[in-house]
Amino acid sequence: MGIFGDHWKDHDEKIYRAWMEKVKEDDLVLIPGD
């Protein structure tokens, strides 16, 4: 995903860390595509 900028490097790990910090088991997460 680096074609979109250096900030995309290891973006899946960034998402995982943020998700684990914020989202609880009884929450709902909406993922609108891609």
Full PDB file with SEQRES, HELIX, SHEET, SSBOND, CRYST1, ORIGX, SCALE, CONECT and MASTER records, all heavy atoms in Angstrom:
SEQRES   1 A   34  MET GLY ILE PHE GLY ASP HIS TRP LYS ASP HIS ASP GLU          
SEQRES   2 A   34  LYS ILE TYR ARG ALA TRP MET GLU LYS VAL LYS GLU ASP          
SEQRES   3 A   34  ASP LEU VAL LEU ILE PRO GLY ASP                              
HELIX    1 AA1 GLY A    2  PHE A    4  5                                   3    
HELIX    2 AA2 ASP A    6  TRP A    8  5                                   3    
HELIX    3 AA3 HIS A   11  LYS A   22  1                                  12    
CRYST1    1.000    1.000    1.000  90.00  90.00  90.00 P 1           1          
ORIGX1      1.000000  0.000000  0.000000        0.00000                         
ORIGX2      0.000000  1.000000  0.000000        0.00000                         
ORIGX3      0.000000  0.000000  1.000000        0.00000                         
SCALE1      1.000000  0.000000  0.000000        0.00000                         
SCALE2      0.000000  1.000000  0.000000        0.00000                         
SCALE3      0.000000  0.000000  1.000000        0.00000                         
ATOM      1  N   MET A   1       0.824  -1.209   0.000  1.00  0.00           N  
ATOM      2  CA  MET A   1       0.000   0.000   0.000  1.00  0.00           C  
ATOM      3  C   MET A   1       0.859   1.261   0.000  1.00  0.00           C  
ATOM      4  O   MET A   1       0.351   2.367   0.087  1.00  0.00           O  
ATOM      5  CB  MET A   1      -0.913  -0.003   1.228  1.00  0.00           C  
ATOM      6  CG  MET A   1      -2.014  -1.049   1.176  1.00  0.00           C  
ATOM      7  SD  MET A   1      -3.203  -0.768  -0.155  1.00  0.00           S  
ATOM      8  CE  MET A   1      -4.012   0.714   0.434  1.00  0.00           C  
ATOM      9  N   GLY A   2       2.184   1.080  -0.105  1.00  0.00           N  
ATOM     10  CA  GLY A   2       3.081   2.223  -0.067  1.00  0.00           C  
ATOM     11  C   GLY A   2       2.891   3.219  -1.185  1.00  0.00           C  
ATOM     12  O   GLY A   2       3.334   4.369  -1.075  1.00  0.00           O  
ATOM     13  N   ILE A   3       2.220   2.800  -2.260  1.00  0.00           N  
ATOM     14  CA  ILE A   3       1.971   3.745  -3.356  1.00  0.00           C  
ATOM     15  C   ILE A   3       1.108   4.908  -2.895  1.00  0.00           C  
ATOM     16  O   ILE A   3       1.075   5.959  -3.540  1.00  0.00           O  
ATOM     17  CB  ILE A   3       1.308   3.049  -4.564  1.00  0.00           C  
ATOM     18  CG1 ILE A   3      -0.021   2.398  -4.166  1.00  0.00           C  
ATOM     19  CG2 ILE A   3       2.238   2.016  -5.174  1.00  0.00           C  
ATOM     20  CD1 ILE A   3      -0.811   1.864  -5.351  1.00  0.00           C  
ATOM     21  N   PHE A   4       0.403   4.722  -1.793  1.00  0.00           N  
ATOM     22  CA  PHE A   4      -0.440   5.783  -1.243  1.00  0.00           C  
ATOM     23  C   PHE A   4       0.276   6.592  -0.168  1.00  0.00           C  
ATOM     24  O   PHE A   4      -0.331   7.443   0.473  1.00  0.00           O  
ATOM     25  CB  PHE A   4      -1.732   5.197  -0.677  1.00  0.00           C  
ATOM     26  CG  PHE A   4      -2.625   4.586  -1.720  1.00  0.00           C  
ATOM     27  CD1 PHE A   4      -2.842   3.224  -1.753  1.00  0.00           C  
ATOM     28  CD2 PHE A   4      -3.241   5.370  -2.677  1.00  0.00           C  
ATOM     29  CE1 PHE A   4      -3.663   2.650  -2.708  1.00  0.00           C  
ATOM     30  CE2 PHE A   4      -4.070   4.810  -3.642  1.00  0.00           C  
ATOM     31  CZ  PHE A   4      -4.273   3.453  -3.662  1.00  0.00           C  
ATOM     32  N   GLY A   5       1.551   6.319   0.049  1.00  0.00           N  
ATOM     33  CA  GLY A   5       2.322   7.092   1.017  1.00  0.00           C  
ATOM     34  C   GLY A   5       2.966   6.216   2.073  1.00  0.00           C  
ATOM     35  O   GLY A   5       2.518   5.095   2.351  1.00  0.00           O  
ATOM     36  N   ASP A   6       4.037   6.745   2.683  1.00  0.00           N  
ATOM     37  CA  ASP A   6       4.774   5.989   3.699  1.00  0.00           C  
ATOM     38  C   ASP A   6       3.921   5.670   4.919  1.00  0.00           C  
ATOM     39  O   ASP A   6       4.211   4.708   5.648  1.00  0.00           O  
ATOM     40  CB  ASP A   6       6.016   6.786   4.138  1.00  0.00           C  
ATOM     41  CG  ASP A   6       7.051   6.897   3.031  1.00  0.00           C  
ATOM     42  OD1 ASP A   6       7.004   6.080   2.087  1.00  0.00           O  
ATOM     43  OD2 ASP A   6       7.894   7.813   3.103  1.00  0.00           O  
ATOM     44  N   HIS A   7       2.887   6.473   5.172  1.00  0.00           N  
ATOM     45  CA  HIS A   7       2.052   6.236   6.344  1.00  0.00           C  
ATOM     46  C   HIS A   7       1.274   4.923   6.241  1.00  0.00           C  
ATOM     47  O   HIS A   7       0.737   4.447   7.237  1.00  0.00           O  
ATOM     48  CB  HIS A   7       1.096   7.409   6.572  1.00  0.00           C  
ATOM     49  CG  HIS A   7       0.167   7.679   5.426  1.00  0.00           C  
ATOM     50  ND1 HIS A   7       0.601   8.050   4.180  1.00  0.00           N  
ATOM     51  CD2 HIS A   7      -1.188   7.638   5.348  1.00  0.00           C  
ATOM     52  CE1 HIS A   7      -0.432   8.216   3.370  1.00  0.00           C  
ATOM     53  NE2 HIS A   7      -1.525   7.973   4.060  1.00  0.00           N  
ATOM     54  N   TRP A   8       1.225   4.326   5.029  1.00  0.00           N  
ATOM     55  CA  TRP A   8       0.550   3.043   4.866  1.00  0.00           C  
ATOM     56  C   TRP A   8       1.434   1.865   5.266  1.00  0.00           C  
ATOM     57  O   TRP A   8       0.974   0.728   5.293  1.00  0.00           O  
ATOM     58  CB  TRP A   8       0.095   2.863   3.418  1.00  0.00           C  
ATOM     59  CG  TRP A   8      -1.210   3.523   3.106  1.00  0.00           C  
ATOM     60  CD1 TRP A   8      -1.397   4.784   2.598  1.00  0.00           C  
ATOM     61  CD2 TRP A   8      -2.520   2.965   3.276  1.00  0.00           C  
ATOM     62  NE1 TRP A   8      -2.737   5.037   2.440  1.00  0.00           N  
ATOM     63  CE2 TRP A   8      -3.448   3.944   2.843  1.00  0.00           C  
ATOM     64  CE3 TRP A   8      -2.994   1.744   3.742  1.00  0.00           C  
ATOM     65  CZ2 TRP A   8      -4.820   3.725   2.874  1.00  0.00           C  
ATOM     66  CZ3 TRP A   8      -4.356   1.523   3.764  1.00  0.00           C  
ATOM     67  CH2 TRP A   8      -5.259   2.503   3.335  1.00  0.00           C  
ATOM     68  N   LYS A   9       2.706   2.100   5.558  1.00  0.00           N  
ATOM     69  CA  LYS A   9       3.597   1.013   5.938  1.00  0.00           C  
ATOM     70  C   LYS A   9       3.082   0.323   7.200  1.00  0.00           C  
ATOM     71  O   LYS A   9       2.774   0.983   8.194  1.00  0.00           O  
ATOM     72  CB  LYS A   9       5.013   1.549   6.172  1.00  0.00           C  
ATOM     73  CG  LYS A   9       6.025   0.470   6.563  1.00  0.00           C  
ATOM     74  CD  LYS A   9       7.414   1.059   6.689  1.00  0.00           C  
ATOM     75  CE  LYS A   9       8.410   0.031   7.228  1.00  0.00           C  
ATOM     76  NZ  LYS A   9       8.474  -1.194   6.394  1.00  0.00           N  
ATOM     77  N   ASP A  10       2.956  -0.991   7.136  1.00  0.00           N  
ATOM     78  CA  ASP A  10       2.450  -1.792   8.269  1.00  0.00           C  
ATOM     79  C   ASP A  10       1.100  -1.280   8.765  1.00  0.00           C  
ATOM     80  O   ASP A  10       0.804  -1.282   9.968  1.00  0.00           O  
ATOM     81  CB  ASP A  10       3.461  -1.779   9.421  1.00  0.00           C  
ATOM     82  CG  ASP A  10       4.805  -2.381   9.023  1.00  0.00           C  
ATOM     83  OD1 ASP A  10       4.814  -3.334   8.232  1.00  0.00           O  
ATOM     84  OD2 ASP A  10       5.837  -1.873   9.499  1.00  0.00           O  
ATOM     85  N   HIS A  11       0.256  -0.865   7.827  1.00  0.00           N  
ATOM     86  CA  HIS A  11      -1.033  -0.275   8.218  1.00  0.00           C  
ATOM     87  C   HIS A  11      -1.919  -1.285   8.934  1.00  0.00           C  
ATOM     88  O   HIS A  11      -2.711  -0.919   9.806  1.00  0.00           O  
ATOM     89  CB  HIS A  11      -1.760   0.287   6.993  1.00  0.00           C  
ATOM     90  CG  HIS A  11      -2.418  -0.767   6.145  1.00  0.00           C  
ATOM     91  ND1 HIS A  11      -1.708  -1.614   5.312  1.00  0.00           N  
ATOM     92  CD2 HIS A  11      -3.727  -1.128   6.022  1.00  0.00           C  
ATOM     93  CE1 HIS A  11      -2.546  -2.438   4.698  1.00  0.00           C  
ATOM     94  NE2 HIS A  11      -3.770  -2.170   5.101  1.00  0.00           N  
ATOM     95  N   ASP A  12      -1.787  -2.578   8.596  1.00  0.00           N  
ATOM     96  CA  ASP A  12      -2.611  -3.579   9.270  1.00  0.00           C  
ATOM     97  C   ASP A  12      -2.262  -3.685  10.747  1.00  0.00           C  
ATOM     98  O   ASP A  12      -3.144  -3.888  11.598  1.00  0.00           O  
ATOM     99  CB  ASP A  12      -2.475  -4.940   8.587  1.00  0.00           C  
ATOM    100  CG  ASP A  12      -1.028  -5.383   8.419  1.00  0.00           C  
ATOM    101  OD1 ASP A  12      -0.123  -4.547   8.548  1.00  0.00           O  
ATOM    102  OD2 ASP A  12      -0.818  -6.587   8.153  1.00  0.00           O  
ATOM    103  N   GLU A  13      -0.993  -3.511  11.071  1.00  0.00           N  
ATOM    104  CA  GLU A  13      -0.584  -3.536  12.475  1.00  0.00           C  
ATOM    105  C   GLU A  13      -1.101  -2.305  13.215  1.00  0.00           C  
ATOM    106  O   GLU A  13      -1.499  -2.395  14.387  1.00  0.00           O  
ATOM    107  CB  GLU A  13       0.936  -3.616  12.575  1.00  0.00           C  
ATOM    108  CG  GLU A  13       1.514  -4.905  12.004  1.00  0.00           C  
ATOM    109  CD  GLU A  13       3.026  -4.957  12.108  1.00  0.00           C  
ATOM    110  OE1 GLU A  13       3.597  -4.140  12.867  1.00  0.00           O  
ATOM    111  OE2 GLU A  13       3.636  -5.811  11.435  1.00  0.00           O  
ATOM    112  N   LYS A  14      -1.112  -1.160  12.533  1.00  0.00           N  
ATOM    113  CA  LYS A  14      -1.648   0.057  13.142  1.00  0.00           C  
ATOM    114  C   LYS A  14      -3.135  -0.109  13.447  1.00  0.00           C  
ATOM    115  O   LYS A  14      -3.612   0.283  14.522  1.00  0.00           O  
ATOM    116  CB  LYS A  14      -1.438   1.256  12.210  1.00  0.00           C  
ATOM    117  CG  LYS A  14       0.012   1.610  11.955  1.00  0.00           C  
ATOM    118  CD  LYS A  14       0.105   2.752  10.955  1.00  0.00           C  
ATOM    119  CE  LYS A  14       1.548   3.070  10.595  1.00  0.00           C  
ATOM    120  NZ  LYS A  14       1.641   4.146   9.566  1.00  0.00           N  
ATOM    121  N   ILE A  15      -3.856  -0.676  12.488  1.00  0.00           N  
ATOM    122  CA  ILE A  15      -5.289  -0.901  12.683  1.00  0.00           C  
ATOM    123  C   ILE A  15      -5.520  -1.856  13.853  1.00  0.00           C  
ATOM    124  O   ILE A  15      -6.385  -1.620  14.703  1.00  0.00           O  
ATOM    125  CB  ILE A  15      -5.931  -1.455  11.394  1.00  0.00           C  
ATOM    126  CG1 ILE A  15      -5.930  -0.380  10.298  1.00  0.00           C  
ATOM    127  CG2 ILE A  15      -7.352  -1.955  11.660  1.00  0.00           C  
ATOM    128  CD1 ILE A  15      -6.330  -0.893   8.930  1.00  0.00           C  
ATOM    129  N   TYR A  16      -4.735  -2.927  13.908  1.00  0.00           N  
ATOM    130  CA  TYR A  16      -4.890  -3.912  14.983  1.00  0.00           C  
ATOM    131  C   TYR A  16      -4.677  -3.275  16.358  1.00  0.00           C  
ATOM    132  O   TYR A  16      -5.490  -3.466  17.278  1.00  0.00           O  
ATOM    133  CB  TYR A  16      -3.905  -5.061  14.774  1.00  0.00           C  
ATOM    134  CG  TYR A  16      -3.928  -6.087  15.877  1.00  0.00           C  
ATOM    135  CD1 TYR A  16      -4.920  -7.064  15.926  1.00  0.00           C  
ATOM    136  CD2 TYR A  16      -2.966  -6.065  16.886  1.00  0.00           C  
ATOM    137  CE1 TYR A  16      -4.952  -7.999  16.950  1.00  0.00           C  
ATOM    138  CE2 TYR A  16      -2.990  -6.995  17.915  1.00  0.00           C  
ATOM    139  CZ  TYR A  16      -3.990  -7.963  17.944  1.00  0.00           C  
ATOM    140  OH  TYR A  16      -4.028  -8.875  18.955  1.00  0.00           O  
ATOM    141  N   ARG A  17      -3.604  -2.509  16.489  1.00  0.00           N  
ATOM    142  CA  ARG A  17      -3.311  -1.895  17.790  1.00  0.00           C  
ATOM    143  C   ARG A  17      -4.413  -0.927  18.211  1.00  0.00           C  
ATOM    144  O   ARG A  17      -4.859  -0.942  19.369  1.00  0.00           O  
ATOM    145  CB  ARG A  17      -1.961  -1.172  17.732  1.00  0.00           C  
ATOM    146  CG  ARG A  17      -0.758  -2.108  17.655  1.00  0.00           C  
ATOM    147  CD  ARG A  17       0.531  -1.352  17.975  1.00  0.00           C  
ATOM    148  NE  ARG A  17       0.785  -0.273  17.023  1.00  0.00           N  
ATOM    149  CZ  ARG A  17       1.495  -0.414  15.911  1.00  0.00           C  
ATOM    150  NH1 ARG A  17       2.030  -1.587  15.602  1.00  0.00           N  
ATOM    151  NH2 ARG A  17       1.703   0.629  15.114  1.00  0.00           N  
ATOM    152  N   ALA A  18      -4.850  -0.086  17.287  1.00  0.00           N  
ATOM    153  CA  ALA A  18      -5.896   0.893  17.609  1.00  0.00           C  
ATOM    154  C   ALA A  18      -7.208   0.191  17.940  1.00  0.00           C  
ATOM    155  O   ALA A  18      -7.919   0.581  18.880  1.00  0.00           O  
ATOM    156  CB  ALA A  18      -6.078   1.863  16.447  1.00  0.00           C  
ATOM    157  N   TRP A  19      -7.535  -0.828  17.165  1.00  0.00           N  
ATOM    158  CA  TRP A  19      -8.770  -1.595  17.394  1.00  0.00           C  
ATOM    159  C   TRP A  19      -8.763  -2.213  18.788  1.00  0.00           C  
ATOM    160  O   TRP A  19      -9.745  -2.116  19.529  1.00  0.00           O  
ATOM    161  CB  TRP A  19      -8.876  -2.678  16.326  1.00  0.00           C  
ATOM    162  CG  TRP A  19     -10.200  -3.382  16.230  1.00  0.00           C  
ATOM    163  CD1 TRP A  19     -10.863  -4.035  17.231  1.00  0.00           C  
ATOM    164  CD2 TRP A  19     -11.007  -3.504  15.047  1.00  0.00           C  
ATOM    165  NE1 TRP A  19     -12.023  -4.575  16.767  1.00  0.00           N  
ATOM    166  CE2 TRP A  19     -12.148  -4.270  15.429  1.00  0.00           C  
ATOM    167  CE3 TRP A  19     -10.886  -3.089  13.737  1.00  0.00           C  
ATOM    168  CZ2 TRP A  19     -13.142  -4.607  14.526  1.00  0.00           C  
ATOM    169  CZ3 TRP A  19     -11.879  -3.421  12.835  1.00  0.00           C  
ATOM    170  CH2 TRP A  19     -12.997  -4.163  13.223  1.00  0.00           C  
ATOM    171  N   MET A  20      -7.661  -2.839  19.142  1.00  0.00           N  
ATOM    172  CA  MET A  20      -7.573  -3.510  20.441  1.00  0.00           C  
ATOM    173  C   MET A  20      -7.656  -2.518  21.594  1.00  0.00           C  
ATOM    174  O   MET A  20      -8.169  -2.847  22.672  1.00  0.00           O  
ATOM    175  CB  MET A  20      -6.279  -4.313  20.524  1.00  0.00           C  
ATOM    176  CG  MET A  20      -6.192  -5.465  19.534  1.00  0.00           C  
ATOM    177  SD  MET A  20      -7.504  -6.700  19.726  1.00  0.00           S  
ATOM    178  CE  MET A  20      -7.058  -7.423  21.312  1.00  0.00           C  
ATOM    179  N   GLU A  21      -7.171  -1.315  21.394  1.00  0.00           N  
ATOM    180  CA  GLU A  21      -7.229  -0.293  22.435  1.00  0.00           C  
ATOM    181  C   GLU A  21      -8.629   0.276  22.620  1.00  0.00           C  
ATOM    182  O   GLU A  21      -9.009   0.639  23.737  1.00  0.00           O  
ATOM    183  CB  GLU A  21      -6.270   0.855  22.091  1.00  0.00           C  
ATOM    184  CG  GLU A  21      -4.797   0.505  22.208  1.00  0.00           C  
ATOM    185  CD  GLU A  21      -3.907   1.629  21.724  1.00  0.00           C  
ATOM    186  OE1 GLU A  21      -4.444   2.701  21.354  1.00  0.00           O  
ATOM    187  OE2 GLU A  21      -2.677   1.447  21.716  1.00  0.00           O  
ATOM    188  N   LYS A  22      -9.407   0.324  21.547  1.00  0.00           N  
ATOM    189  CA  LYS A  22     -10.685   1.030  21.586  1.00  0.00           C  
ATOM    190  C   LYS A  22     -11.911   0.130  21.701  1.00  0.00           C  
ATOM    191  O   LYS A  22     -12.842   0.419  22.464  1.00  0.00           O  
ATOM    192  CB  LYS A  22     -10.835   1.880  20.311  1.00  0.00           C  
ATOM    193  CG  LYS A  22      -9.907   3.070  20.223  1.00  0.00           C  
ATOM    194  CD  LYS A  22     -10.189   3.864  18.951  1.00  0.00           C  
ATOM    195  CE  LYS A  22      -9.434   5.173  18.911  1.00  0.00           C  
ATOM    196  NZ  LYS A  22      -9.750   5.968  17.696  1.00  0.00           N  
ATOM    197  N   VAL A  23     -11.946  -0.928  20.921  1.00  0.00           N  
ATOM    198  CA  VAL A  23     -13.182  -1.694  20.741  1.00  0.00           C  
ATOM    199  C   VAL A  23     -13.327  -2.786  21.795  1.00  0.00           C  
ATOM    200  O   VAL A  23     -12.392  -3.541  22.061  1.00  0.00           O  
ATOM    201  CB  VAL A  23     -13.225  -2.315  19.326  1.00  0.00           C  
ATOM    202  CG1 VAL A  23     -14.526  -3.099  19.130  1.00  0.00           C  
ATOM    203  CG2 VAL A  23     -13.086  -1.228  18.254  1.00  0.00           C  
ATOM    204  N   LYS A  24     -14.539  -2.864  22.378  1.00  0.00           N  
ATOM    205  CA  LYS A  24     -14.865  -3.895  23.361  1.00  0.00           C  
ATOM    206  C   LYS A  24     -15.747  -4.961  22.706  1.00  0.00           C  
ATOM    207  O   LYS A  24     -16.323  -4.756  21.637  1.00  0.00           O  
ATOM    208  CB  LYS A  24     -15.578  -3.276  24.566  1.00  0.00           C  
ATOM    209  CG  LYS A  24     -14.816  -2.116  25.213  1.00  0.00           C  
ATOM    210  CD  LYS A  24     -13.436  -2.511  25.673  1.00  0.00           C  
ATOM    211  CE  LYS A  24     -12.708  -1.347  26.318  1.00  0.00           C  
ATOM    212  NZ  LYS A  24     -11.304  -1.688  26.669  1.00  0.00           N  
ATOM    213  N   GLU A  25     -15.886  -6.082  23.397  1.00  0.00           N  
ATOM    214  CA  GLU A  25     -16.598  -7.226  22.817  1.00  0.00           C  
ATOM    215  C   GLU A  25     -18.061  -6.923  22.479  1.00  0.00           C  
ATOM    216  O   GLU A  25     -18.611  -7.479  21.540  1.00  0.00           O  
ATOM    217  CB  GLU A  25     -16.526  -8.435  23.755  1.00  0.00           C  
ATOM    218  CG  GLU A  25     -15.197  -9.147  23.736  1.00  0.00           C  
ATOM    219  CD  GLU A  25     -14.843  -9.774  22.395  1.00  0.00           C  
ATOM    220  OE1 GLU A  25     -15.751  -9.969  21.557  1.00  0.00           O  
ATOM    221  OE2 GLU A  25     -13.661 -10.066  22.177  1.00  0.00           O  
ATOM    222  N   ASP A  26     -18.703  -6.044  23.263  1.00  0.00           N  
ATOM    223  CA  ASP A  26     -20.112  -5.769  23.008  1.00  0.00           C  
ATOM    224  C   ASP A  26     -20.322  -4.552  22.113  1.00  0.00           C  
ATOM    225  O   ASP A  26     -21.442  -4.059  21.966  1.00  0.00           O  
ATOM    226  CB  ASP A  26     -20.879  -5.593  24.317  1.00  0.00           C  
ATOM    227  CG  ASP A  26     -20.304  -4.480  25.187  1.00  0.00           C  
ATOM    228  OD1 ASP A  26     -19.208  -3.976  24.860  1.00  0.00           O  
ATOM    229  OD2 ASP A  26     -20.963  -4.102  26.179  1.00  0.00           O  
ATOM    230  N   ASP A  27     -19.252  -4.058  21.489  1.00  0.00           N  
ATOM    231  CA  ASP A  27     -19.349  -2.945  20.540  1.00  0.00           C  
ATOM    232  C   ASP A  27     -19.671  -3.461  19.145  1.00  0.00           C  
ATOM    233  O   ASP A  27     -19.585  -4.663  18.862  1.00  0.00           O  
ATOM    234  CB  ASP A  27     -18.036  -2.160  20.496  1.00  0.00           C  
ATOM    235  CG  ASP A  27     -17.782  -1.364  21.769  1.00  0.00           C  
ATOM    236  OD1 ASP A  27     -18.721  -1.193  22.565  1.00  0.00           O  
ATOM    237  OD2 ASP A  27     -16.640  -0.913  21.960  1.00  0.00           O  
ATOM    238  N   LEU A  28     -20.011  -2.521  18.254  1.00  0.00           N  
ATOM    239  CA  LEU A  28     -20.285  -2.823  16.854  1.00  0.00           C  
ATOM    240  C   LEU A  28     -19.338  -2.000  15.992  1.00  0.00           C  
ATOM    241  O   LEU A  28     -19.163  -0.808  16.211  1.00  0.00           O  
ATOM    242  CB  LEU A  28     -21.736  -2.484  16.503  1.00  0.00           C  
ATOM    243  CG  LEU A  28     -22.153  -2.620  15.026  1.00  0.00           C  
ATOM    244  CD1 LEU A  28     -22.067  -4.075  14.582  1.00  0.00           C  
ATOM    245  CD2 LEU A  28     -23.567  -2.071  14.820  1.00  0.00           C  
ATOM    246  N   VAL A  29     -18.723  -2.654  14.988  1.00  0.00           N  
ATOM    247  CA  VAL A  29     -17.814  -1.966  14.074  1.00  0.00           C  
ATOM    248  C   VAL A  29     -18.342  -2.097  12.644  1.00  0.00           C  
ATOM    249  O   VAL A  29     -18.615  -3.207  12.177  1.00  0.00           O  
ATOM    250  CB  VAL A  29     -16.385  -2.530  14.155  1.00  0.00           C  
ATOM    251  CG1 VAL A  29     -15.445  -1.710  13.272  1.00  0.00           C  
ATOM    252  CG2 VAL A  29     -15.886  -2.532  15.597  1.00  0.00           C  
ATOM    253  N   LEU A  30     -18.470  -0.973  11.964  1.00  0.00           N  
ATOM    254  CA  LEU A  30     -18.940  -0.931  10.577  1.00  0.00           C  
ATOM    255  C   LEU A  30     -17.746  -0.761   9.648  1.00  0.00           C  
ATOM    256  O   LEU A  30     -16.939   0.149   9.829  1.00  0.00           O  
ATOM    257  CB  LEU A  30     -19.926   0.223  10.392  1.00  0.00           C  
ATOM    258  CG  LEU A  30     -21.073   0.313  11.416  1.00  0.00           C  
ATOM    259  CD1 LEU A  30     -21.973   1.499  11.091  1.00  0.00           C  
ATOM    260  CD2 LEU A  30     -21.870  -0.982  11.454  1.00  0.00           C  
ATOM    261  N   ILE A  31     -17.640  -1.625   8.633  1.00  0.00           N  
ATOM    262  CA  ILE A  31     -16.515  -1.594   7.689  1.00  0.00           C  
ATOM    263  C   ILE A  31     -17.084  -1.466   6.279  1.00  0.00           C  
ATOM    264  O   ILE A  31     -17.458  -2.466   5.646  1.00  0.00           O  
ATOM    265  CB  ILE A  31     -15.642  -2.853   7.812  1.00  0.00           C  
ATOM    266  CG1 ILE A  31     -15.233  -3.095   9.273  1.00  0.00           C  
ATOM    267  CG2 ILE A  31     -14.403  -2.731   6.922  1.00  0.00           C  
ATOM    268  CD1 ILE A  31     -14.408  -4.344   9.483  1.00  0.00           C  
ATOM    269  N   PRO A  32     -17.151  -0.233   5.738  1.00  0.00           N  
ATOM    270  CA  PRO A  32     -17.781  -0.014   4.441  1.00  0.00           C  
ATOM    271  C   PRO A  32     -16.848  -0.203   3.245  1.00  0.00           C  
ATOM    272  O   PRO A  32     -16.544   0.725   2.500  1.00  0.00           O  
ATOM    273  CB  PRO A  32     -18.255   1.441   4.549  1.00  0.00           C  
ATOM    274  CG  PRO A  32     -17.231   2.090   5.415  1.00  0.00           C  
ATOM    275  CD  PRO A  32     -16.817   1.035   6.410  1.00  0.00           C  
ATOM    276  N   GLY A  33     -16.400  -1.421   3.045  1.00  0.00           N  
ATOM    277  CA  GLY A  33     -15.744  -1.763   1.799  1.00  0.00           C  
ATOM    278  C   GLY A  33     -14.240  -1.690   1.740  1.00  0.00           C  
ATOM    279  O   GLY A  33     -13.588  -1.103   2.586  1.00  0.00           O  
ATOM    280  N   ASP A  34     -13.710  -2.306   0.664  1.00  0.00           N  
ATOM    281  CA  ASP A  34     -12.270  -2.495   0.447  1.00  0.00           C  
ATOM    282  C   ASP A  34     -11.644  -3.135   1.682  1.00  0.00           C  
ATOM    283  O   ASP A  34     -10.764  -2.584   2.338  1.00  0.00           O  
ATOM    284  CB  ASP A  34     -11.591  -1.185   0.076  1.00  0.00           C  
ATOM    285  CG  ASP A  34     -11.808  -0.836  -1.396  1.00  0.00           C  
ATOM    286  OD1 ASP A  34     -12.575  -1.553  -2.065  1.00  0.00           O  
ATOM    287  OD2 ASP A  34     -11.211   0.135  -1.875  1.00  0.00           O  
TER     288      ASP A  34                                                      
MASTER        0    0    0    3    0    0    0    6  287    1    0    3          
END                                                                             
